Protein backbone atom coordinates (compact mmCIF):
# COMPACT_ATOMS: atom_id res chain seq x y z
CA MET A 1 8.74 -1.72 -6.51
CA PRO A 2 5.85 -3.47 -4.72
CA TYR A 3 2.39 -2.09 -4.21
CA ILE A 4 1.14 -1.05 -0.77
CA ILE A 5 -2.39 -1.13 0.62
CA THR A 6 -3.04 2.08 2.55
CA ASP A 7 -5.45 3.41 5.19
CA PRO A 8 -8.60 3.67 3.02
CA CYS A 9 -8.76 -0.15 3.15
CA VAL A 10 -9.15 -0.12 6.94
CA SER A 11 -12.63 -1.34 7.91
CA VAL A 12 -13.45 -2.09 4.25
CA CYS A 13 -11.39 -5.18 3.31
CA ASP A 14 -13.00 -5.52 -0.12
CA ALA A 15 -11.51 -8.62 -1.72
CA ALA A 16 -11.68 -7.48 -5.35
CA CYS A 17 -7.90 -7.04 -5.28
CA VAL A 18 -7.44 -10.58 -3.98
CA ASP A 19 -9.51 -11.97 -6.84
CA VAL A 20 -7.40 -10.35 -9.57
CA CYS A 21 -3.91 -10.86 -8.15
CA PRO A 22 -2.07 -13.31 -10.43
CA VAL A 23 0.49 -14.29 -7.76
CA ASP A 24 -1.68 -14.38 -4.61
CA CYS A 25 0.37 -11.77 -2.79
CA ILE A 26 -2.58 -10.10 -1.02
CA HIS A 27 -3.38 -11.48 2.41
CA GLY A 28 -4.91 -10.58 5.70
CA PRO A 29 -6.25 -9.14 7.74
CA GLU A 30 -5.02 -11.85 10.11
CA ASP A 31 -3.69 -14.76 8.02
CA THR A 32 -0.39 -14.11 6.21
CA GLU A 33 -0.95 -17.15 3.97
CA GLY A 34 -4.70 -17.23 3.30
CA SER A 35 -4.94 -15.02 0.21
CA GLY A 36 -7.51 -12.85 1.94
CA GLN A 37 -10.06 -15.64 2.09
CA GLU A 38 -11.00 -14.76 5.67
CA VAL A 39 -12.68 -11.54 4.47
CA LYS A 40 -15.01 -13.64 2.33
CA GLU A 41 -16.21 -15.79 5.22
CA SER A 42 -19.75 -15.31 6.48
CA GLY A 43 -19.84 -13.09 9.54
CA PHE A 44 -16.45 -11.48 8.91
CA ASP A 45 -16.26 -8.07 10.63
CA PRO A 46 -13.81 -5.74 8.87
CA GLU A 47 -13.89 -3.10 11.62
CA GLY A 48 -10.34 -1.81 12.14
CA LYS A 49 -8.83 -4.37 9.76
CA GLN A 50 -7.24 -4.21 6.33
CA LEU A 51 -5.57 -6.33 3.66
CA TYR A 52 -1.82 -6.32 2.97
CA ILE A 53 0.49 -6.98 0.01
CA ASP A 54 3.53 -9.21 0.49
CA ALA A 55 6.41 -7.18 -0.99
CA ASP A 56 8.48 -10.34 -1.54
CA VAL A 57 5.78 -11.86 -3.76
CA CYS A 58 4.30 -8.82 -5.51
CA ILE A 59 5.32 -8.66 -9.18
CA ASP A 60 4.32 -5.01 -9.60
CA CYS A 61 1.70 -5.84 -12.23
CA ASP A 62 -0.83 -3.27 -10.93
CA ALA A 63 -3.83 -5.58 -11.54
CA CYS A 64 -5.12 -4.75 -8.05
CA VAL A 65 -5.09 -0.96 -8.45
CA PRO A 66 -8.07 -0.41 -10.77
CA VAL A 67 -10.37 -2.82 -8.91
CA CYS A 68 -9.90 -1.31 -5.44
CA PRO A 69 -13.21 0.43 -4.64
CA VAL A 70 -11.59 2.83 -2.15
CA ASP A 71 -8.41 3.71 -4.06
CA ALA A 72 -6.21 2.32 -1.31
CA ILE A 73 -3.46 0.70 -3.40
CA TYR A 74 -0.34 2.57 -4.51
CA GLU A 75 3.07 1.73 -5.80
CA GLU A 76 5.38 2.03 -2.78
CA SER A 77 7.13 5.12 -4.17
CA ASP A 78 3.76 6.84 -4.74
CA VAL A 79 2.11 6.32 -1.35
CA PRO A 80 0.73 9.71 -0.24
CA ASP A 81 2.56 11.23 2.72
CA GLU A 82 -0.47 10.98 5.01
CA TRP A 83 -0.48 7.18 4.55
CA ASN A 84 3.27 6.65 4.65
CA GLU A 85 2.92 4.54 7.81
CA SER A 86 1.10 1.97 5.66
CA ILE A 87 4.42 1.01 4.09
CA ARG A 88 5.78 -0.14 7.43
CA LYS A 89 2.50 -1.91 8.31
CA ASN A 90 2.49 -3.87 5.04
CA TYR A 91 6.07 -5.06 5.47
CA GLU A 92 5.72 -5.88 9.17
CA PHE A 93 2.52 -7.89 8.62
CA PHE A 94 4.68 -10.41 6.76
CA GLY A 95 7.59 -10.23 9.23
CA LEU A 96 9.66 -8.17 6.82
CA GLU A 97 11.70 -5.09 7.58
CA ALA A 98 10.43 -1.95 5.89
CA PRO A 99 12.93 -0.15 3.67
């Protein structure tokens, strides 16, 4: 089951998760292919933006979970109810249909 980035990431976009992902499945907030590099660019404004995990690429290794400074990453089955909408957002960012 893939991991999902939830609401606490919004307006933070810390790229620690990007740096540890062994399969480069974390992207965004705008580029579905850029491995989150846009958040590292000078002048990047994270306001209202977040990173996303590509469910088709995620290998469920959980390397991203302990490095997230805002505890925004959960296994899909463990996403708290109040952030359940994040599941749909993560899938749709990559043009996928949410389960």
